[in-house]
N, C-alpha and C. Protein backbone atom coordinates (compact mmCIF):
# COMPACT_ATOMS: atom_id res chain seq x y z
N ILE A 1 122.15 117.79 49.92
CA ILE A 1 122.86 118.38 51.03
C ILE A 1 121.93 118.33 52.25
N ILE A 2 122.48 117.90 53.38
CA ILE A 2 121.71 117.81 54.63
C ILE A 2 122.09 118.99 55.50
N ASN A 3 121.07 119.64 56.03
CA ASN A 3 121.31 120.78 56.90
C ASN A 3 121.24 120.29 58.35
N HIS A 4 122.39 120.22 59.01
CA HIS A 4 122.45 119.74 60.39
C HIS A 4 121.95 120.77 61.39
N ALA A 5 121.83 122.01 61.00
CA ALA A 5 121.41 123.05 61.92
C ALA A 5 119.94 122.89 62.30
N THR A 6 119.12 122.35 61.43
CA THR A 6 117.71 122.21 61.73
C THR A 6 117.42 120.92 62.49
N MET A 7 118.32 120.03 62.47
CA MET A 7 118.12 118.79 63.22
C MET A 7 118.46 119.06 64.69
N GLY A 8 117.69 118.56 65.57
CA GLY A 8 117.95 118.79 66.98
C GLY A 8 117.91 117.49 67.73
N GLY A 9 117.88 117.59 69.04
CA GLY A 9 117.72 116.39 69.84
C GLY A 9 119.00 115.67 70.14
N GLY A 10 120.10 116.38 70.11
CA GLY A 10 121.36 115.72 70.47
C GLY A 10 121.42 115.44 71.96
N ASN A 11 122.43 114.71 72.35
CA ASN A 11 122.56 114.33 73.76
C ASN A 11 122.66 115.54 74.69
N ALA A 12 123.33 116.58 74.26
CA ALA A 12 123.48 117.77 75.09
C ALA A 12 122.12 118.43 75.33
N GLN A 13 121.32 118.48 74.27
CA GLN A 13 120.00 119.09 74.42
C GLN A 13 119.12 118.24 75.33
N LYS A 14 119.15 116.93 75.19
CA LYS A 14 118.35 116.05 76.05
C LYS A 14 118.77 116.20 77.51
N SER A 15 120.06 116.31 77.74
CA SER A 15 120.55 116.48 79.11
C SER A 15 120.08 117.80 79.70
N ALA A 16 120.10 118.87 78.90
CA ALA A 16 119.68 120.18 79.39
C ALA A 16 118.19 120.16 79.74
N VAL A 17 117.37 119.53 78.90
CA VAL A 17 115.94 119.45 79.15
C VAL A 17 115.69 118.64 80.43
N ALA A 18 116.42 117.54 80.60
CA ALA A 18 116.26 116.71 81.80
C ALA A 18 116.66 117.48 83.05
N ARG A 19 117.74 118.27 82.97
CA ARG A 19 118.17 119.08 84.11
C ARG A 19 117.11 120.10 84.48
N GLU A 20 116.51 120.75 83.48
CA GLU A 20 115.46 121.74 83.74
C GLU A 20 114.24 121.07 84.40
N ARG A 21 113.87 119.92 83.89
CA ARG A 21 112.72 119.18 84.43
C ARG A 21 112.99 118.77 85.88
N ASN A 22 114.17 118.26 86.16
CA ASN A 22 114.52 117.84 87.52
C ASN A 22 114.61 119.02 88.48
N ALA A 23 115.10 120.16 87.98
CA ALA A 23 115.18 121.36 88.82
C ALA A 23 113.77 121.83 89.19
N ALA A 24 112.84 121.76 88.23
CA ALA A 24 111.46 122.17 88.50
C ALA A 24 110.82 121.24 89.54
N LYS A 25 111.08 119.93 89.43
CA LYS A 25 110.56 118.97 90.41
C LYS A 25 111.13 119.24 91.80
N ALA A 26 112.43 119.48 91.87
CA ALA A 26 113.09 119.73 93.16
C ALA A 26 112.54 121.00 93.80
N LYS A 27 112.29 122.02 92.98
CA LYS A 27 111.75 123.27 93.50
C LYS A 27 110.35 123.06 94.06
N ALA A 28 109.55 122.27 93.38
CA ALA A 28 108.19 121.99 93.84
C ALA A 28 108.21 121.19 95.14
N LEU A 29 109.12 120.23 95.24
CA LEU A 29 109.21 119.41 96.45
C LEU A 29 109.74 120.20 97.63
N ALA A 30 110.59 121.17 97.40
CA ALA A 30 111.17 121.94 98.49
C ALA A 30 110.10 122.69 99.27
N GLY A 31 109.07 123.13 98.58
CA GLY A 31 107.99 123.85 99.25
C GLY A 31 106.92 122.93 99.77
N GLY A 32 107.03 121.63 99.53
CA GLY A 32 106.02 120.67 99.94
C GLY A 32 106.09 120.34 101.42
N LYS A 33 105.18 119.48 101.86
CA LYS A 33 105.13 119.11 103.27
C LYS A 33 106.09 117.96 103.54
N SER A 34 106.67 118.01 104.71
CA SER A 34 107.57 116.96 105.15
C SER A 34 106.86 116.11 106.19
N GLN A 35 106.86 114.81 106.01
CA GLN A 35 106.24 113.90 106.97
C GLN A 35 106.99 113.94 108.30
N LYS A 36 108.29 114.20 108.23
CA LYS A 36 109.11 114.26 109.44
C LYS A 36 108.62 115.38 110.36
N ASP A 37 108.33 116.53 109.80
CA ASP A 37 107.85 117.65 110.60
C ASP A 37 106.50 117.32 111.26
N ASP A 38 105.61 116.68 110.50
CA ASP A 38 104.32 116.30 111.05
C ASP A 38 104.48 115.29 112.18
N ASN A 39 105.39 114.33 112.01
CA ASN A 39 105.62 113.33 113.05
C ASN A 39 106.16 113.96 114.32
N GLU A 40 107.05 114.93 114.19
CA GLU A 40 107.61 115.60 115.36
C GLU A 40 106.52 116.37 116.12
N LYS A 41 105.60 116.98 115.39
CA LYS A 41 104.50 117.70 116.03
C LYS A 41 103.56 116.74 116.76
N ALA A 42 103.42 115.53 116.23
CA ALA A 42 102.51 114.55 116.81
C ALA A 42 103.07 113.91 118.08
N MET A 43 104.34 114.13 118.37
CA MET A 43 104.96 113.55 119.58
C MET A 43 104.56 114.40 120.79
N SER A 44 103.28 114.37 121.12
CA SER A 44 102.77 115.27 122.15
C SER A 44 102.63 114.63 123.52
N LEU A 45 102.72 113.31 123.62
CA LEU A 45 102.68 112.66 124.92
C LEU A 45 104.11 112.49 125.42
N GLN A 46 104.31 112.76 126.71
CA GLN A 46 105.66 112.65 127.25
C GLN A 46 105.59 112.02 128.64
N CYS A 47 106.47 111.06 128.88
CA CYS A 47 106.58 110.44 130.19
C CYS A 47 107.12 111.49 131.16
N ALA A 48 106.44 111.70 132.26
CA ALA A 48 106.85 112.71 133.23
C ALA A 48 108.13 112.32 133.96
N ILE A 49 108.48 111.04 133.95
CA ILE A 49 109.66 110.58 134.67
C ILE A 49 110.92 110.65 133.81
N CYS A 50 110.89 110.00 132.64
CA CYS A 50 112.10 109.94 131.81
C CYS A 50 112.06 110.89 130.61
N LYS A 51 110.95 111.56 130.41
CA LYS A 51 110.77 112.55 129.33
C LYS A 51 110.76 111.95 127.93
N GLN A 52 110.59 110.64 127.82
CA GLN A 52 110.49 110.02 126.49
C GLN A 52 109.19 110.47 125.83
N ALA A 53 109.28 110.83 124.57
CA ALA A 53 108.11 111.33 123.84
C ALA A 53 107.41 110.19 123.11
N PHE A 54 106.09 110.30 123.02
CA PHE A 54 105.27 109.33 122.31
C PHE A 54 104.30 110.09 121.41
N MET A 55 103.90 109.44 120.32
CA MET A 55 102.94 110.06 119.41
C MET A 55 101.58 110.16 120.09
N CYS A 56 100.83 111.18 119.72
CA CYS A 56 99.52 111.41 120.32
C CYS A 56 98.55 110.28 120.01
N THR A 57 98.85 109.47 119.01
CA THR A 57 97.97 108.37 118.64
C THR A 57 98.30 107.08 119.38
N GLN A 58 99.28 107.13 120.27
CA GLN A 58 99.70 105.94 121.02
C GLN A 58 98.54 105.45 121.88
N ASN A 59 98.35 104.14 121.92
CA ASN A 59 97.23 103.64 122.73
C ASN A 59 97.69 103.40 124.17
N GLU A 60 96.71 103.23 125.04
CA GLU A 60 96.99 103.10 126.47
C GLU A 60 97.81 101.86 126.79
N GLY A 61 97.59 100.79 126.03
CA GLY A 61 98.35 99.55 126.26
C GLY A 61 99.84 99.74 126.02
N ASP A 62 100.19 100.45 124.95
CA ASP A 62 101.60 100.70 124.66
C ASP A 62 102.24 101.57 125.74
N LEU A 63 101.49 102.56 126.21
CA LEU A 63 102.01 103.42 127.27
C LEU A 63 102.18 102.62 128.56
N MET A 64 101.26 101.70 128.82
CA MET A 64 101.36 100.86 130.01
C MET A 64 102.58 99.96 129.92
N ASN A 65 102.89 99.46 128.73
CA ASN A 65 104.11 98.66 128.54
C ASN A 65 105.34 99.48 128.90
N HIS A 66 105.34 100.75 128.55
CA HIS A 66 106.46 101.63 128.90
C HIS A 66 106.58 101.74 130.42
N VAL A 67 105.46 101.93 131.08
CA VAL A 67 105.46 102.09 132.54
C VAL A 67 106.00 100.82 133.20
N THR A 68 105.50 99.66 132.79
CA THR A 68 105.92 98.42 133.45
C THR A 68 107.36 98.05 133.15
N SER A 69 107.84 98.36 131.95
CA SER A 69 109.21 97.98 131.61
C SER A 69 110.25 98.99 132.08
N LYS A 70 109.92 100.26 132.08
CA LYS A 70 110.91 101.29 132.43
C LYS A 70 110.77 101.82 133.85
N HIS A 71 109.55 101.85 134.36
CA HIS A 71 109.30 102.48 135.67
C HIS A 71 108.42 101.58 136.52
N SER A 72 108.89 100.39 136.81
CA SER A 72 108.07 99.40 137.51
C SER A 72 107.62 99.85 138.90
N LYS A 73 108.33 100.79 139.51
CA LYS A 73 107.96 101.26 140.84
C LYS A 73 107.00 102.45 140.80
N SER A 74 106.67 102.91 139.60
CA SER A 74 105.79 104.05 139.44
C SER A 74 104.46 103.60 138.85
N SER A 75 103.45 104.43 139.03
CA SER A 75 102.14 104.11 138.47
C SER A 75 101.98 104.77 137.10
N PHE A 76 100.96 104.33 136.38
CA PHE A 76 100.64 104.90 135.08
C PHE A 76 100.35 106.39 135.22
N ASP A 77 99.60 106.74 136.27
CA ASP A 77 99.23 108.14 136.49
C ASP A 77 100.45 109.02 136.74
N GLU A 78 101.47 108.48 137.38
CA GLU A 78 102.69 109.26 137.63
C GLU A 78 103.46 109.50 136.34
N CYS A 79 103.48 108.50 135.46
CA CYS A 79 104.22 108.64 134.20
C CYS A 79 103.49 109.53 133.20
N PHE A 80 102.18 109.36 133.10
CA PHE A 80 101.40 110.08 132.09
C PHE A 80 100.22 110.80 132.73
N PRO A 81 100.48 111.85 133.51
CA PRO A 81 99.37 112.55 134.19
C PRO A 81 98.37 113.18 133.23
N SER A 82 98.82 113.57 132.03
CA SER A 82 97.90 114.19 131.08
C SER A 82 97.01 113.16 130.39
N TRP A 83 97.32 111.89 130.50
CA TRP A 83 96.55 110.82 129.85
C TRP A 83 95.29 110.47 130.65
N ILE A 84 95.27 110.79 131.93
CA ILE A 84 94.16 110.38 132.78
C ILE A 84 92.84 110.88 132.20
N ARG A 85 91.93 109.98 132.06
CA ARG A 85 90.61 110.32 131.55
C ARG A 85 89.59 109.99 132.63
N PHE A 86 88.60 110.82 132.72
CA PHE A 86 87.51 110.57 133.65
C PHE A 86 86.31 110.16 132.82
N VAL A 87 85.73 109.03 133.17
CA VAL A 87 84.65 108.46 132.38
C VAL A 87 83.33 108.65 133.13
N ALA A 88 82.42 109.35 132.50
CA ALA A 88 81.09 109.57 133.08
C ALA A 88 80.12 108.56 132.49
N ILE A 89 79.42 107.87 133.37
CA ILE A 89 78.40 106.93 132.92
C ILE A 89 77.08 107.33 133.57
N PRO A 90 76.26 108.07 132.84
CA PRO A 90 75.01 108.60 133.38
C PRO A 90 74.07 107.53 133.93
N SER A 91 73.98 106.37 133.28
CA SER A 91 73.05 105.34 133.74
C SER A 91 73.40 104.83 135.14
N LEU A 92 74.67 104.96 135.54
CA LEU A 92 75.09 104.56 136.87
C LEU A 92 75.22 105.75 137.81
N GLY A 93 75.20 106.95 137.25
CA GLY A 93 75.40 108.15 138.06
C GLY A 93 76.80 108.18 138.66
N THR A 94 77.76 107.66 137.90
CA THR A 94 79.11 107.47 138.43
C THR A 94 80.16 108.04 137.49
N VAL A 95 81.23 108.57 138.09
CA VAL A 95 82.41 109.01 137.36
C VAL A 95 83.55 108.08 137.77
N PHE A 96 84.23 107.54 136.77
CA PHE A 96 85.36 106.65 137.02
C PHE A 96 86.66 107.35 136.64
N LYS A 97 87.70 107.14 137.45
CA LYS A 97 89.00 107.71 137.13
C LYS A 97 89.76 106.69 136.27
N GLY A 98 89.78 106.94 134.98
CA GLY A 98 90.51 106.10 134.05
C GLY A 98 89.63 105.08 133.35
N ARG A 99 90.00 104.79 132.13
CA ARG A 99 89.28 103.80 131.33
C ARG A 99 89.30 102.41 131.95
N PRO A 100 90.47 101.94 132.44
CA PRO A 100 90.49 100.57 132.97
C PRO A 100 89.48 100.35 134.10
N VAL A 101 89.34 101.33 134.98
CA VAL A 101 88.39 101.22 136.10
C VAL A 101 86.97 101.16 135.57
N ALA A 102 86.65 102.03 134.62
CA ALA A 102 85.30 102.07 134.05
C ALA A 102 84.99 100.78 133.30
N LEU A 103 85.94 100.31 132.51
CA LEU A 103 85.72 99.08 131.75
C LEU A 103 85.51 97.89 132.68
N ALA A 104 86.29 97.83 133.76
CA ALA A 104 86.14 96.73 134.72
C ALA A 104 84.76 96.79 135.37
N ALA A 105 84.30 97.98 135.71
CA ALA A 105 82.98 98.13 136.35
C ALA A 105 81.86 97.71 135.40
N LEU A 106 82.10 97.90 134.11
CA LEU A 106 81.08 97.55 133.11
C LEU A 106 81.23 96.11 132.62
N GLY A 107 82.24 95.41 133.13
CA GLY A 107 82.46 94.02 132.71
C GLY A 107 82.98 93.92 131.29
N SER A 108 83.78 94.88 130.88
CA SER A 108 84.32 94.89 129.52
C SER A 108 85.83 95.01 129.59
N ASP A 109 86.46 95.09 128.43
CA ASP A 109 87.91 95.31 128.39
C ASP A 109 88.22 96.32 127.29
N ALA A 110 89.51 96.70 127.20
CA ALA A 110 89.91 97.74 126.26
C ALA A 110 89.64 97.33 124.81
N LYS A 111 89.73 96.05 124.52
CA LYS A 111 89.52 95.59 123.15
C LYS A 111 88.05 95.75 122.74
N LYS A 112 87.15 95.39 123.65
CA LYS A 112 85.72 95.49 123.35
C LYS A 112 85.22 96.93 123.45
N GLY A 113 85.79 97.69 124.39
CA GLY A 113 85.35 99.07 124.59
C GLY A 113 84.13 99.13 125.49
N TYR A 114 83.55 100.30 125.57
CA TYR A 114 82.37 100.50 126.40
C TYR A 114 81.16 99.87 125.73
N PRO A 115 80.27 99.26 126.51
CA PRO A 115 79.02 98.77 125.92
C PRO A 115 78.25 99.95 125.32
N LYS A 116 77.60 99.72 124.20
CA LYS A 116 76.92 100.81 123.49
C LYS A 116 75.81 101.44 124.32
N ASP A 117 75.16 100.66 125.16
CA ASP A 117 74.05 101.20 125.93
C ASP A 117 74.49 101.87 127.24
N SER A 118 75.80 101.91 127.51
CA SER A 118 76.27 102.50 128.77
C SER A 118 76.23 104.02 128.75
N GLY A 119 76.34 104.62 127.57
CA GLY A 119 76.35 106.07 127.47
C GLY A 119 77.64 106.69 127.99
N ALA A 120 78.71 105.90 128.06
CA ALA A 120 79.98 106.37 128.61
C ALA A 120 80.57 107.48 127.75
N VAL A 121 81.05 108.52 128.43
CA VAL A 121 81.69 109.65 127.76
C VAL A 121 82.96 109.98 128.55
N GLU A 122 84.08 110.19 127.82
CA GLU A 122 85.35 110.50 128.47
C GLU A 122 85.57 112.00 128.55
N PHE A 123 86.18 112.44 129.66
CA PHE A 123 86.49 113.85 129.88
C PHE A 123 87.91 113.99 130.38
N GLY A 124 88.45 115.18 130.25
CA GLY A 124 89.81 115.45 130.70
C GLY A 124 89.89 115.80 132.17
N SER A 125 88.77 116.17 132.78
CA SER A 125 88.79 116.50 134.20
C SER A 125 87.59 115.88 134.91
N LYS A 126 87.76 115.68 136.20
CA LYS A 126 86.68 115.12 137.01
C LYS A 126 85.48 116.07 137.03
N GLU A 127 85.76 117.36 137.12
CA GLU A 127 84.69 118.35 137.19
C GLU A 127 83.80 118.31 135.95
N GLU A 128 84.42 118.19 134.77
CA GLU A 128 83.64 118.12 133.53
C GLU A 128 82.74 116.88 133.52
N ALA A 129 83.29 115.77 133.99
CA ALA A 129 82.53 114.52 134.01
C ALA A 129 81.34 114.63 134.97
N VAL A 130 81.57 115.23 136.14
CA VAL A 130 80.49 115.40 137.12
C VAL A 130 79.41 116.32 136.55
N GLU A 131 79.80 117.42 135.92
CA GLU A 131 78.82 118.34 135.32
C GLU A 131 77.98 117.63 134.26
N TYR A 132 78.62 116.75 133.49
CA TYR A 132 77.90 116.01 132.46
C TYR A 132 76.84 115.10 133.10
N ILE A 133 77.22 114.41 134.16
CA ILE A 133 76.27 113.53 134.86
C ILE A 133 75.08 114.35 135.39
N ILE A 134 75.38 115.49 136.01
CA ILE A 134 74.32 116.34 136.56
C ILE A 134 73.37 116.80 135.45
N ALA A 135 73.93 117.15 134.30
CA ALA A 135 73.11 117.62 133.17
C ALA A 135 72.28 116.50 132.56
N GLU A 136 72.80 115.27 132.56
CA GLU A 136 72.12 114.16 131.89
C GLU A 136 71.11 113.42 132.76
N VAL A 137 71.35 113.41 134.07
CA VAL A 137 70.49 112.61 134.94
C VAL A 137 69.57 113.55 135.73
N SER A 138 68.28 113.37 135.54
CA SER A 138 67.32 114.31 136.11
C SER A 138 67.26 114.28 137.64
N TYR A 139 67.49 113.14 138.26
CA TYR A 139 67.38 113.06 139.71
C TYR A 139 68.67 113.40 140.45
N ILE A 140 69.74 113.74 139.72
CA ILE A 140 71.00 114.16 140.36
C ILE A 140 71.11 115.67 140.20
N ASN A 141 71.15 116.36 141.34
CA ASN A 141 71.15 117.82 141.32
C ASN A 141 72.47 118.46 141.68
N ASP A 142 73.32 117.73 142.37
CA ASP A 142 74.59 118.32 142.77
C ASP A 142 75.72 117.28 142.73
N ALA A 143 76.95 117.76 142.87
CA ALA A 143 78.12 116.90 142.75
C ALA A 143 78.19 115.85 143.86
N ASP A 144 77.59 116.13 145.00
CA ASP A 144 77.63 115.17 146.10
C ASP A 144 76.83 113.90 145.78
N ALA A 145 75.87 114.00 144.90
CA ALA A 145 75.04 112.85 144.53
C ALA A 145 75.71 111.95 143.50
N VAL A 146 76.79 112.42 142.88
CA VAL A 146 77.50 111.63 141.87
C VAL A 146 78.54 110.76 142.58
N THR A 147 78.51 109.46 142.32
CA THR A 147 79.51 108.59 142.93
C THR A 147 80.79 108.64 142.11
N TYR A 148 81.91 108.42 142.79
CA TYR A 148 83.21 108.51 142.16
C TYR A 148 84.02 107.28 142.53
N GLN A 149 84.62 106.64 141.52
CA GLN A 149 85.43 105.45 141.77
C GLN A 149 86.79 105.60 141.13
N GLU A 150 87.81 105.22 141.91
CA GLU A 150 89.19 105.24 141.39
C GLU A 150 89.65 103.85 141.07
């Protein structure tokens, strides 16, 4: 005589176990991180003219493409005022408004970057860049002695 009560593993039982396992996975994923939320937070750059958002990791070339294709009568600075960087180069005693100006003065381009011996440092404001030059260069004592190029 075979006792069917002790035998298990029927289709109904397998389905119930699978449902429990899937419910546990879904519960764990619900509390997990969403890449979508992170991407939305990273959209921190915004065109001042059309309000289009860009990720904070966007490079200057891509933003320039936006300016030339969408706002040909406007400048880069008008579209992205928060992007403006001031570059301090202590060896020249000069602050440049924007990377392109500094790179051109150094005979370089965006792909190559700043020459390693230039000591170039980027700042968010002109004042910070000037203070850095004054602190780094012994013969410059005040802001009037720092040259500025746009």
